[in-house]
Amino acid sequence: MKSFEDLDAWKVAMDLVEEIYAITRTFPKEEVFGLTSQVRRASTSIVANIAEGFCRHTYADKANRYVIARGESGEVKTYLLVALRLKIVPSDQLKRAFELVERTGKLLSGLIKSTRNL
């Protein structure tokens, strides 16, 4: 692979970012500096950490960034669950986001495992 853009984890995480931005456009205005900002920041942090990990020199550094990205995917899922619980957005509008979060986490787990085995 020549670039982090070739990683499936990065591609799926980018799809997640797009989905998060689409969903949060419907959030109430009073959430702009709260939940909207937090879930957007967490989702973009996933792709940023994947890119940073790919560009790191040592395998330990790479794995560490991928672990951080996986943690951020848990954070995104939690924010979506908060939005659901607070009835900010209906569950049918979150289905794809939850699928993307799960897929991103699984791909990151695979990246972490493969990086640690090098």
C-alpha atoms as a PDB file:
ATOM      1  CA  MET A   1       0.000   0.000   0.000  1.00  0.00           C
ATOM      2  CA  LYS A   2       1.263   3.379  -0.954  1.00  0.00           C
ATOM      3  CA  SER A   3      -1.029   5.602   1.100  1.00  0.00           C
ATOM      4  CA  PHE A   4      -3.376   5.558   4.065  1.00  0.00           C
ATOM      5  CA  GLU A   5      -6.087   6.255   1.495  1.00  0.00           C
ATOM      6  CA  ASP A   6      -5.668   2.664   0.308  1.00  0.00           C
ATOM      7  CA  LEU A   7      -6.660   1.250   3.712  1.00  0.00           C
ATOM      8  CA  ASP A   8     -10.199  -0.130   3.930  1.00  0.00           C
ATOM      9  CA  ALA A   9     -10.406   1.144   7.514  1.00  0.00           C
ATOM     10  CA  TRP A  10      -9.708   4.692   6.333  1.00  0.00           C
ATOM     11  CA  LYS A  11     -12.226   4.433   3.478  1.00  0.00           C
ATOM     12  CA  VAL A  12     -15.021   3.157   5.726  1.00  0.00           C
ATOM     13  CA  ALA A  13     -14.157   5.731   8.381  1.00  0.00           C
ATOM     14  CA  MET A  14     -14.440   8.473   5.742  1.00  0.00           C
ATOM     15  CA  ASP A  15     -17.905   7.137   4.879  1.00  0.00           C
ATOM     16  CA  LEU A  16     -18.685   7.363   8.590  1.00  0.00           C
ATOM     17  CA  VAL A  17     -17.553  11.005   8.707  1.00  0.00           C
ATOM     18  CA  GLU A  18     -19.884  11.834   5.817  1.00  0.00           C
ATOM     19  CA  GLU A  19     -22.750  10.041   7.532  1.00  0.00           C
ATOM     20  CA  ILE A  20     -22.094  11.800  10.847  1.00  0.00           C
ATOM     21  CA  TYR A  21     -22.086  15.211   9.185  1.00  0.00           C
ATOM     22  CA  ALA A  22     -25.347  14.409   7.388  1.00  0.00           C
ATOM     23  CA  ILE A  23     -27.008  13.225  10.590  1.00  0.00           C
ATOM     24  CA  THR A  24     -25.819  16.125  12.718  1.00  0.00           C
ATOM     25  CA  ARG A  25     -27.176  18.684  10.248  1.00  0.00           C
ATOM     26  CA  THR A  26     -30.585  17.693  11.621  1.00  0.00           C
ATOM     27  CA  PHE A  27     -29.583  18.159  15.285  1.00  0.00           C
ATOM     28  CA  PRO A  28     -31.147  21.092  17.180  1.00  0.00           C
ATOM     29  CA  LYS A  29     -29.254  24.384  17.093  1.00  0.00           C
ATOM     30  CA  GLU A  30     -28.624  24.218  20.855  1.00  0.00           C
ATOM     31  CA  GLU A  31     -26.467  21.136  20.220  1.00  0.00           C
ATOM     32  CA  VAL A  32     -24.049  22.898  17.846  1.00  0.00           C
ATOM     33  CA  PHE A  33     -21.434  23.371  20.575  1.00  0.00           C
ATOM     34  CA  GLY A  34     -22.384  20.182  22.403  1.00  0.00           C
ATOM     35  CA  LEU A  35     -23.220  16.820  20.920  1.00  0.00           C
ATOM     36  CA  THR A  36     -22.874  17.934  17.286  1.00  0.00           C
ATOM     37  CA  SER A  37     -19.356  19.217  17.811  1.00  0.00           C
ATOM     38  CA  GLN A  38     -18.285  16.216  19.875  1.00  0.00           C
ATOM     39  CA  VAL A  39     -19.486  13.507  17.496  1.00  0.00           C
ATOM     40  CA  ARG A  40     -18.079  15.322  14.468  1.00  0.00           C
ATOM     41  CA  ARG A  41     -14.710  15.775  16.165  1.00  0.00           C
ATOM     42  CA  ALA A  42     -14.582  12.120  17.242  1.00  0.00           C
ATOM     43  CA  SER A  43     -15.438  10.867  13.750  1.00  0.00           C
ATOM     44  CA  THR A  44     -12.801  13.006  12.063  1.00  0.00           C
ATOM     45  CA  SER A  45     -10.306  11.928  14.698  1.00  0.00           C
ATOM     46  CA  ILE A  46     -10.739   8.328  13.547  1.00  0.00           C
ATOM     47  CA  VAL A  47      -9.574   9.069   9.994  1.00  0.00           C
ATOM     48  CA  ALA A  48      -6.832  11.397  11.227  1.00  0.00           C
ATOM     49  CA  ASN A  49      -5.409   8.747  13.563  1.00  0.00           C
ATOM     50  CA  ILE A  50      -5.528   6.092  10.845  1.00  0.00           C
ATOM     51  CA  ALA A  51      -3.601   8.417   8.528  1.00  0.00           C
ATOM     52  CA  GLU A  52      -1.124   9.310  11.246  1.00  0.00           C
ATOM     53  CA  GLY A  53      -0.608   5.659  12.150  1.00  0.00           C
ATOM     54  CA  PHE A  54       0.055   4.733   8.549  1.00  0.00           C
ATOM     55  CA  CYS A  55       2.690   7.452   8.320  1.00  0.00           C
ATOM     56  CA  ARG A  56       4.464   6.486  11.552  1.00  0.00           C
ATOM     57  CA  HIS A  57       7.842   4.817  11.325  1.00  0.00           C
ATOM     58  CA  THR A  58       7.728   2.090  13.966  1.00  0.00           C
ATOM     59  CA  TYR A  59       5.179  -0.694  14.222  1.00  0.00           C
ATOM     60  CA  ALA A  60       4.489   0.213  17.855  1.00  0.00           C
ATOM     61  CA  ASP A  61       3.676   3.803  16.863  1.00  0.00           C
ATOM     62  CA  LYS A  62       1.429   2.571  14.063  1.00  0.00           C
ATOM     63  CA  ALA A  63      -0.461   0.193  16.353  1.00  0.00           C
ATOM     64  CA  ASN A  64      -0.851   2.891  18.997  1.00  0.00           C
ATOM     65  CA  ARG A  65      -2.551   5.279  16.550  1.00  0.00           C
ATOM     66  CA  TYR A  66      -4.838   2.513  15.317  1.00  0.00           C
ATOM     67  CA  VAL A  67      -5.774   1.724  18.931  1.00  0.00           C
ATOM     68  CA  ILE A  68      -6.611   5.392  19.500  1.00  0.00           C
ATOM     69  CA  ALA A  69      -8.739   5.403  16.332  1.00  0.00           C
ATOM     70  CA  ARG A  70     -10.613   2.316  17.553  1.00  0.00           C
ATOM     71  CA  GLY A  71     -11.279   4.096  20.844  1.00  0.00           C
ATOM     72  CA  GLU A  72     -12.658   7.054  18.932  1.00  0.00           C
ATOM     73  CA  SER A  73     -15.041   4.734  17.085  1.00  0.00           C
ATOM     74  CA  GLY A  74     -16.430   3.690  20.483  1.00  0.00           C
ATOM     75  CA  GLU A  75     -16.812   7.344  21.348  1.00  0.00           C
ATOM     76  CA  VAL A  76     -18.769   8.001  18.127  1.00  0.00           C
ATOM     77  CA  LYS A  77     -21.067   5.073  18.862  1.00  0.00           C
ATOM     78  CA  THR A  78     -21.682   6.405  22.371  1.00  0.00           C
ATOM     79  CA  TYR A  79     -22.576   9.878  21.088  1.00  0.00           C
ATOM     80  CA  LEU A  80     -25.017   8.310  18.630  1.00  0.00           C
ATOM     81  CA  LEU A  81     -26.575   6.315  21.464  1.00  0.00           C
ATOM     82  CA  VAL A  82     -26.908   9.532  23.487  1.00  0.00           C
ATOM     83  CA  ALA A  83     -28.630  11.223  20.543  1.00  0.00           C
ATOM     84  CA  LEU A  84     -30.957   8.251  20.266  1.00  0.00           C
ATOM     85  CA  ARG A  85     -31.727   8.154  23.986  1.00  0.00           C
ATOM     86  CA  LEU A  86     -32.423  11.910  24.050  1.00  0.00           C
ATOM     87  CA  LYS A  87     -34.679  11.496  21.008  1.00  0.00           C
ATOM     88  CA  ILE A  88     -32.615  13.963  19.006  1.00  0.00           C
ATOM     89  CA  VAL A  89     -32.710  11.616  16.043  1.00  0.00           C
ATOM     90  CA  PRO A  90     -34.865   8.539  15.314  1.00  0.00           C
ATOM     91  CA  SER A  91     -33.238   5.104  15.261  1.00  0.00           C
ATOM     92  CA  ASP A  92     -33.974   4.507  11.565  1.00  0.00           C
ATOM     93  CA  GLN A  93     -31.763   7.487  10.686  1.00  0.00           C
ATOM     94  CA  LEU A  94     -28.868   6.012  12.677  1.00  0.00           C
ATOM     95  CA  LYS A  95     -28.846   2.521  11.156  1.00  0.00           C
ATOM     96  CA  ARG A  96     -26.151   3.199   8.554  1.00  0.00           C
ATOM     97  CA  ALA A  97     -24.007   5.142  11.030  1.00  0.00           C
ATOM     98  CA  PHE A  98     -24.086   2.254  13.505  1.00  0.00           C
ATOM     99  CA  GLU A  99     -23.148  -0.183  10.714  1.00  0.00           C
ATOM    100  CA  LEU A 100     -20.226   2.015   9.660  1.00  0.00           C
ATOM    101  CA  VAL A 101     -19.021   2.388  13.254  1.00  0.00           C
ATOM    102  CA  GLU A 102     -19.049  -1.381  13.730  1.00  0.00           C
ATOM    103  CA  ARG A 103     -17.293  -2.022  10.435  1.00  0.00           C
ATOM    104  CA  THR A 104     -14.661   0.623  11.168  1.00  0.00           C
ATOM    105  CA  GLY A 105     -13.965  -0.891  14.577  1.00  0.00           C
ATOM    106  CA  LYS A 106     -13.560  -4.382  13.107  1.00  0.00           C
ATOM    107  CA  LEU A 107     -11.244  -3.150  10.373  1.00  0.00           C
ATOM    108  CA  LEU A 108      -9.182  -1.278  12.949  1.00  0.00           C
ATOM    109  CA  SER A 109      -8.937  -4.396  15.108  1.00  0.00           C
ATOM    110  CA  GLY A 110      -7.573  -6.221  12.082  1.00  0.00           C
ATOM    111  CA  LEU A 111      -5.074  -3.433  11.404  1.00  0.00           C
ATOM    112  CA  ILE A 112      -3.922  -3.460  15.024  1.00  0.00           C
ATOM    113  CA  LYS A 113      -3.469  -7.224  14.983  1.00  0.00           C
ATOM    114  CA  SER A 114      -1.592  -7.244  11.684  1.00  0.00           C
ATOM    115  CA  THR A 115       0.646  -4.352  12.742  1.00  0.00           C
ATOM    116  CA  ARG A 116       1.570  -5.981  16.045  1.00  0.00           C
ATOM    117  CA  ASN A 117       2.475  -9.219  14.245  1.00  0.00           C
ATOM    118  CA  LEU A 118       5.093  -7.513  12.074  1.00  0.00           C
END
